[in-house]
Amino acid sequence: MSDKQNFPVRKQSKRGGIAKRTGQAALSGVLCGLALAIMLSTLLFPSMTYSMPMLAGGLLVIPCIEFGAGAALTAYAAVSILSFILPVDKEASLMFVLLFGLYPILKKFFEQIRPRFLELLVKLLYFNAAAVGAAAAAWLIFRIPIDDGTLGKWAVPILLGAGNVLFIIYDYTLTLCVTLYLRRLQPVFRKIFQL
């Protein structure tokens, strides 16, 4: 891994043992609970089927920064499984599992790709594959249609085109959130959770 990452993994401190592992477990548990609460809110706000998984997935950047991709993948798996077990909007669950829950973890690896246009191409390929997979799974498993009929034969190209633009905005916003976390919130979290 290069030293120049958008959000580097925190270097291991000399302080170890039970206190450190307890802080890691506490922070990961709080973030998983918050992500799950956000996913559950799709029942109250059905129009936020896509925005709530984005927000819930964005929280997984924190364990990725603090403890590495393995800890973030564990948190992702926990929220993913519980979002299918609990009464969460199933389309939102699919969007979390296939796209917005995994992308914040993969983002740091995508951003190591050079040149920059190739990085963007890989990100967009991931988005399109995940979005098509989520739409196909929504139809095949839950019988949720891609469109209610208003867009007709243009539904897929219009939705994918708009989705690509929104995904680029989401990626940029996620980068801003990582910067905010590193500059302002990380010291607070480290103090609270004794990391």
Protein backbone atom coordinates (compact mmCIF):
# COMPACT_ATOMS: atom_id res chain seq x y z
CA MET A 1 0.00 0.00 0.00
CA SER A 2 1.20 3.45 -0.77
CA ASP A 3 1.70 6.06 1.90
CA LYS A 4 -0.43 8.48 -0.11
CA GLN A 5 -3.95 7.27 0.60
CA ASN A 6 -7.12 9.24 0.91
CA PHE A 7 -7.80 7.75 4.31
CA PRO A 8 -4.88 5.83 5.77
CA VAL A 9 -5.29 3.06 8.29
CA ARG A 10 -4.33 4.23 11.75
CA LYS A 11 -0.91 3.06 12.86
CA GLN A 12 -0.98 0.64 15.77
CA SER A 13 -0.12 2.30 19.05
CA LYS A 14 2.05 0.79 21.74
CA ARG A 15 -0.96 0.71 24.02
CA GLY A 16 -2.56 -2.67 23.61
CA GLY A 17 -4.49 -5.26 25.43
CA ILE A 18 -8.05 -5.37 26.58
CA ALA A 19 -8.67 -1.61 26.76
CA LYS A 20 -7.74 -1.10 23.12
CA ARG A 21 -9.80 -4.06 21.89
CA THR A 22 -12.73 -2.88 24.01
CA GLY A 23 -12.54 0.58 22.42
CA GLN A 24 -12.43 -0.97 18.96
CA ALA A 25 -15.41 -3.19 19.69
CA ALA A 26 -17.35 -0.29 21.24
CA LEU A 27 -16.76 2.05 18.30
CA SER A 28 -17.57 -0.64 15.74
CA GLY A 29 -20.71 -1.60 17.67
CA VAL A 30 -21.92 1.99 17.92
CA LEU A 31 -21.34 2.54 14.20
CA CYS A 32 -23.10 -0.73 13.28
CA GLY A 33 -26.05 0.21 15.48
CA LEU A 34 -26.25 3.67 13.97
CA ALA A 35 -25.99 2.27 10.42
CA LEU A 36 -28.75 -0.22 11.19
CA ALA A 37 -30.96 2.50 12.69
CA ILE A 38 -30.48 4.51 9.50
CA MET A 39 -31.43 1.47 7.43
CA LEU A 40 -34.52 0.93 9.58
CA SER A 41 -35.58 4.52 8.91
CA THR A 42 -36.40 3.49 5.32
CA LEU A 43 -39.65 2.15 6.74
CA LEU A 44 -40.57 5.64 7.97
CA PHE A 45 -39.26 7.42 4.88
CA PRO A 46 -39.87 5.16 1.86
CA SER A 47 -38.75 7.88 -0.55
CA MET A 48 -35.22 7.58 0.89
CA THR A 49 -34.58 4.06 -0.41
CA TYR A 50 -31.27 5.14 -1.93
CA SER A 51 -30.11 7.95 0.33
CA MET A 52 -30.32 6.02 3.60
CA PRO A 53 -28.04 3.17 2.41
CA MET A 54 -25.59 5.87 1.24
CA LEU A 55 -25.57 7.43 4.68
CA ALA A 56 -25.36 4.08 6.49
CA GLY A 57 -22.50 2.93 4.26
CA GLY A 58 -20.63 6.17 4.80
CA LEU A 59 -20.30 5.33 8.47
CA LEU A 60 -18.17 2.30 7.56
CA VAL A 61 -15.34 4.60 6.52
CA ILE A 62 -14.57 5.15 10.22
CA PRO A 63 -13.71 1.52 11.11
CA CYS A 64 -11.82 1.31 7.81
CA ILE A 65 -9.68 4.30 8.79
CA GLU A 66 -9.21 3.30 12.43
CA PHE A 67 -8.84 -0.48 12.23
CA GLY A 68 -8.43 -1.46 8.56
CA ALA A 69 -10.53 -3.04 5.85
CA GLY A 70 -11.02 -6.30 7.78
CA ALA A 71 -12.82 -4.59 10.66
CA ALA A 72 -14.87 -2.53 8.22
CA LEU A 73 -15.86 -5.67 6.30
CA THR A 74 -16.97 -7.28 9.56
CA ALA A 75 -19.15 -4.26 10.34
CA TYR A 76 -20.47 -4.32 6.76
CA ALA A 77 -21.38 -8.01 7.09
CA ALA A 78 -23.17 -7.44 10.40
CA VAL A 79 -25.28 -4.55 9.07
CA SER A 80 -25.96 -6.41 5.81
CA ILE A 81 -27.22 -9.56 7.53
CA LEU A 82 -29.33 -7.64 10.05
CA SER A 83 -30.81 -5.41 7.35
CA PHE A 84 -32.26 -8.51 5.69
CA ILE A 85 -33.45 -10.07 8.95
CA LEU A 86 -35.07 -6.92 10.38
CA PRO A 87 -38.02 -5.18 8.69
CA VAL A 88 -35.98 -2.86 6.45
CA ASP A 89 -37.02 -1.83 2.94
CA LYS A 90 -35.60 -4.73 0.90
CA GLU A 91 -34.58 -2.57 -2.04
CA ALA A 92 -32.63 -0.35 0.36
CA SER A 93 -31.03 -3.49 1.84
CA LEU A 94 -29.93 -4.61 -1.62
CA MET A 95 -28.49 -1.17 -2.37
CA PHE A 96 -26.55 -1.31 0.91
CA VAL A 97 -25.26 -4.85 0.40
CA LEU A 98 -24.29 -4.55 -3.27
CA LEU A 99 -23.25 -0.91 -3.49
CA PHE A 100 -23.27 1.65 -0.70
CA GLY A 101 -22.15 -0.56 2.17
CA LEU A 102 -19.17 -1.99 0.33
CA TYR A 103 -18.07 1.05 -1.67
CA PRO A 104 -16.71 3.12 1.26
CA ILE A 105 -14.43 0.19 2.10
CA LEU A 106 -13.31 -0.34 -1.51
CA LYS A 107 -12.85 3.40 -2.12
CA LYS A 108 -9.36 3.53 -0.64
CA PHE A 109 -8.23 0.72 -2.93
CA PHE A 110 -9.83 2.33 -6.00
CA GLU A 111 -8.06 5.60 -5.21
CA GLN A 112 -4.66 3.95 -5.44
CA ILE A 113 -5.23 3.31 -9.16
CA ARG A 114 -3.31 5.60 -11.48
CA PRO A 115 -3.82 7.43 -13.80
CA ARG A 116 -6.78 9.31 -12.39
CA PHE A 117 -9.13 8.70 -15.32
CA LEU A 118 -8.60 4.95 -14.89
CA GLU A 119 -9.52 5.30 -11.20
CA LEU A 120 -12.77 7.06 -12.18
CA LEU A 121 -13.47 4.42 -14.83
CA VAL A 122 -13.05 1.59 -12.29
CA LYS A 123 -15.32 3.38 -9.80
CA LEU A 124 -18.01 3.86 -12.45
CA LEU A 125 -17.71 0.24 -13.60
CA TYR A 126 -18.18 -0.87 -10.01
CA PHE A 127 -21.21 1.42 -9.62
CA ASN A 128 -22.86 0.23 -12.83
CA ALA A 129 -22.27 -3.46 -12.08
CA ALA A 130 -23.58 -3.06 -8.52
CA ALA A 131 -26.58 -0.94 -9.58
CA VAL A 132 -27.58 -3.39 -12.33
CA GLY A 133 -27.06 -6.30 -9.92
CA ALA A 134 -29.21 -4.63 -7.26
CA ALA A 135 -31.97 -3.85 -9.77
CA ALA A 136 -31.90 -7.40 -11.13
CA ALA A 137 -31.94 -8.90 -7.63
CA ALA A 138 -34.78 -6.58 -6.60
CA TRP A 139 -36.84 -7.82 -9.54
CA LEU A 140 -35.89 -11.51 -9.35
CA ILE A 141 -36.10 -11.93 -5.58
CA PHE A 142 -38.65 -9.36 -4.41
CA ARG A 143 -40.50 -8.51 -7.65
CA ILE A 144 -39.69 -4.81 -7.27
CA PRO A 145 -39.84 -3.21 -10.74
CA ILE A 146 -37.11 -0.89 -12.02
CA ASP A 147 -39.68 1.68 -13.11
CA ASP A 148 -43.37 2.22 -12.46
CA GLY A 149 -43.99 2.62 -16.19
CA THR A 150 -43.55 6.38 -16.51
CA LEU A 151 -40.18 6.20 -18.30
CA GLY A 152 -41.04 3.25 -20.54
CA LYS A 153 -38.23 1.80 -22.65
CA TRP A 154 -35.92 4.64 -21.59
CA ALA A 155 -36.07 3.71 -17.91
CA VAL A 156 -32.77 1.83 -17.72
CA PRO A 157 -30.60 4.32 -19.69
CA ILE A 158 -32.11 7.34 -17.91
CA LEU A 159 -31.76 5.82 -14.45
CA LEU A 160 -28.21 4.60 -15.08
CA GLY A 161 -27.18 7.95 -16.58
CA ALA A 162 -28.59 9.90 -13.65
CA GLY A 163 -27.16 7.32 -11.26
CA ASN A 164 -23.65 7.78 -12.67
CA VAL A 165 -23.82 11.54 -12.19
CA LEU A 166 -25.15 11.14 -8.65
CA PHE A 167 -22.51 8.51 -7.89
CA ILE A 168 -19.72 10.93 -8.84
CA ILE A 169 -21.27 13.50 -6.50
CA TYR A 170 -21.57 10.82 -3.78
CA ASP A 171 -17.92 9.84 -4.21
CA TYR A 172 -16.80 13.46 -3.90
CA THR A 173 -19.03 13.99 -0.86
CA LEU A 174 -17.63 10.85 0.76
CA THR A 175 -14.12 12.22 0.21
CA LEU A 176 -15.16 15.45 1.95
CA CYS A 177 -16.60 13.43 4.86
CA VAL A 178 -13.33 11.50 5.20
CA THR A 179 -11.44 14.78 5.30
CA LEU A 180 -13.84 16.14 7.93
CA TYR A 181 -13.41 13.01 10.01
CA LEU A 182 -9.62 13.09 9.83
CA ARG A 183 -9.33 16.79 10.63
CA ARG A 184 -12.08 17.31 13.21
CA LEU A 185 -13.79 14.17 14.47
CA GLN A 186 -10.99 11.61 14.73
CA PRO A 187 -9.42 13.14 17.87
CA VAL A 188 -12.84 13.22 19.53
CA PHE A 189 -13.60 9.59 18.67
CA ARG A 190 -10.16 8.47 19.80
CA LYS A 191 -10.61 10.19 23.13
CA ILE A 192 -14.15 8.87 23.74
CA PHE A 193 -13.34 5.29 22.75
CA GLN A 194 -9.76 5.36 24.12
CA LEU A 195 -8.20 4.26 20.84
